[in-house]
Protein backbone atom coordinates (compact mmCIF):
# COMPACT_ATOMS: atom_id res chain seq x y z
CA MET A 1 -98.60 -142.28 -78.65
CA LYS A 2 -95.93 -141.11 -76.36
CA ASN A 3 -92.43 -139.22 -76.90
CA ASN A 4 -89.76 -141.20 -75.73
CA THR A 5 -87.03 -138.85 -75.81
CA ASN A 6 -87.02 -137.92 -72.29
CA LYS A 7 -86.29 -141.73 -71.40
CA THR A 8 -83.46 -141.56 -73.98
CA GLN A 9 -82.24 -138.05 -72.65
CA THR A 10 -81.68 -138.87 -69.17
CA ASN A 11 -78.69 -140.39 -69.35
CA ASN A 12 -76.80 -137.87 -72.17
CA PRO A 13 -75.26 -135.27 -70.08
CA MET A 14 -74.71 -133.39 -73.10
CA HIS A 15 -78.68 -132.74 -73.12
CA GLY A 16 -79.97 -129.45 -72.73
CA VAL A 17 -76.25 -128.32 -72.01
CA LYS A 18 -75.72 -125.23 -74.77
CA LEU A 19 -71.91 -124.49 -76.62
CA ILE A 20 -71.30 -121.30 -74.59
CA ASP A 21 -72.06 -122.70 -71.45
CA ILE A 22 -69.62 -125.52 -72.15
CA LEU A 23 -67.20 -122.95 -73.51
CA GLU A 24 -67.46 -121.12 -70.49
CA HIS A 25 -66.75 -124.44 -68.32
CA LEU A 26 -63.79 -125.00 -69.97
CA VAL A 27 -62.63 -121.39 -70.03
CA GLN A 28 -62.38 -121.43 -66.19
CA GLU A 29 -61.45 -125.09 -66.15
CA TYR A 30 -58.11 -124.66 -68.01
CA GLY A 31 -57.90 -121.52 -68.93
CA TRP A 32 -56.75 -120.36 -72.64
CA LYS A 33 -53.25 -121.38 -73.05
CA GLU A 34 -54.46 -125.17 -71.59
CA LEU A 35 -57.59 -125.21 -73.79
CA GLY A 36 -55.57 -124.38 -76.73
CA LEU A 37 -52.87 -127.28 -76.26
CA GLU A 38 -56.13 -129.71 -75.11
CA VAL A 39 -57.70 -128.91 -78.33
CA ASN A 40 -55.38 -127.54 -81.05
CA ILE A 41 -57.59 -124.99 -82.87
CA ASN A 42 -56.43 -121.48 -83.72
CA CYS A 43 -59.61 -119.77 -82.08
CA PHE A 44 -58.20 -120.87 -78.49
CA LYS A 45 -54.80 -119.81 -79.45
CA ASN A 46 -54.76 -116.83 -81.02
CA ASP A 47 -56.47 -113.61 -79.77
CA PRO A 48 -59.02 -116.12 -77.93
CA SER A 49 -62.49 -114.86 -77.08
CA ILE A 50 -65.86 -116.74 -76.34
CA LYS A 51 -67.27 -114.85 -79.54
CA SER A 52 -64.86 -116.06 -81.67
CA SER A 53 -64.35 -119.51 -80.63
CA LEU A 54 -68.29 -120.02 -80.65
CA LYS A 55 -68.43 -118.75 -84.07
CA PHE A 56 -65.51 -121.04 -85.33
CA LEU A 57 -67.09 -124.51 -83.39
CA ARG A 58 -70.84 -123.86 -84.80
CA LYS A 59 -69.52 -124.37 -88.19
CA THR A 60 -66.64 -126.98 -87.78
CA PRO A 61 -67.88 -130.17 -86.43
CA TRP A 62 -64.61 -132.11 -85.72
CA ALA A 63 -63.66 -129.29 -83.24
CA ARG A 64 -67.12 -128.73 -82.03
CA ASP A 65 -66.79 -132.70 -81.19
CA LYS A 66 -63.20 -132.52 -79.61
CA VAL A 67 -64.69 -129.84 -77.43
CA GLU A 68 -67.27 -131.60 -75.93
CA GLN A 69 -65.40 -134.51 -75.47
CA LEU A 70 -63.09 -132.47 -73.40
CA TYR A 71 -66.10 -130.92 -71.59
CA LEU A 72 -67.16 -134.71 -70.90
CA LYS A 73 -63.87 -135.56 -69.41
CA SER A 74 -63.94 -132.46 -67.40
CA ILE A 75 -67.30 -133.11 -65.53
CA LYS A 76 -66.45 -136.74 -65.09
CA GLN A 77 -63.18 -135.65 -62.76
């Protein structure tokens, strides 16, 4: 039996995109200050860094979801 995951993932813009790539894109697109306004989480507002943000987002599904939604919005524009 053939695996159909490739077919179902071809239209998924998040397929194969790593969290670090999403975060780096958003920081470049918005900057930390604007990112903190778009997604109201402390790791974007107080002494932000990629490392601390990744750590927080990996263990906080609701925040990661918001970041992924912002990423999708930014790549559609």
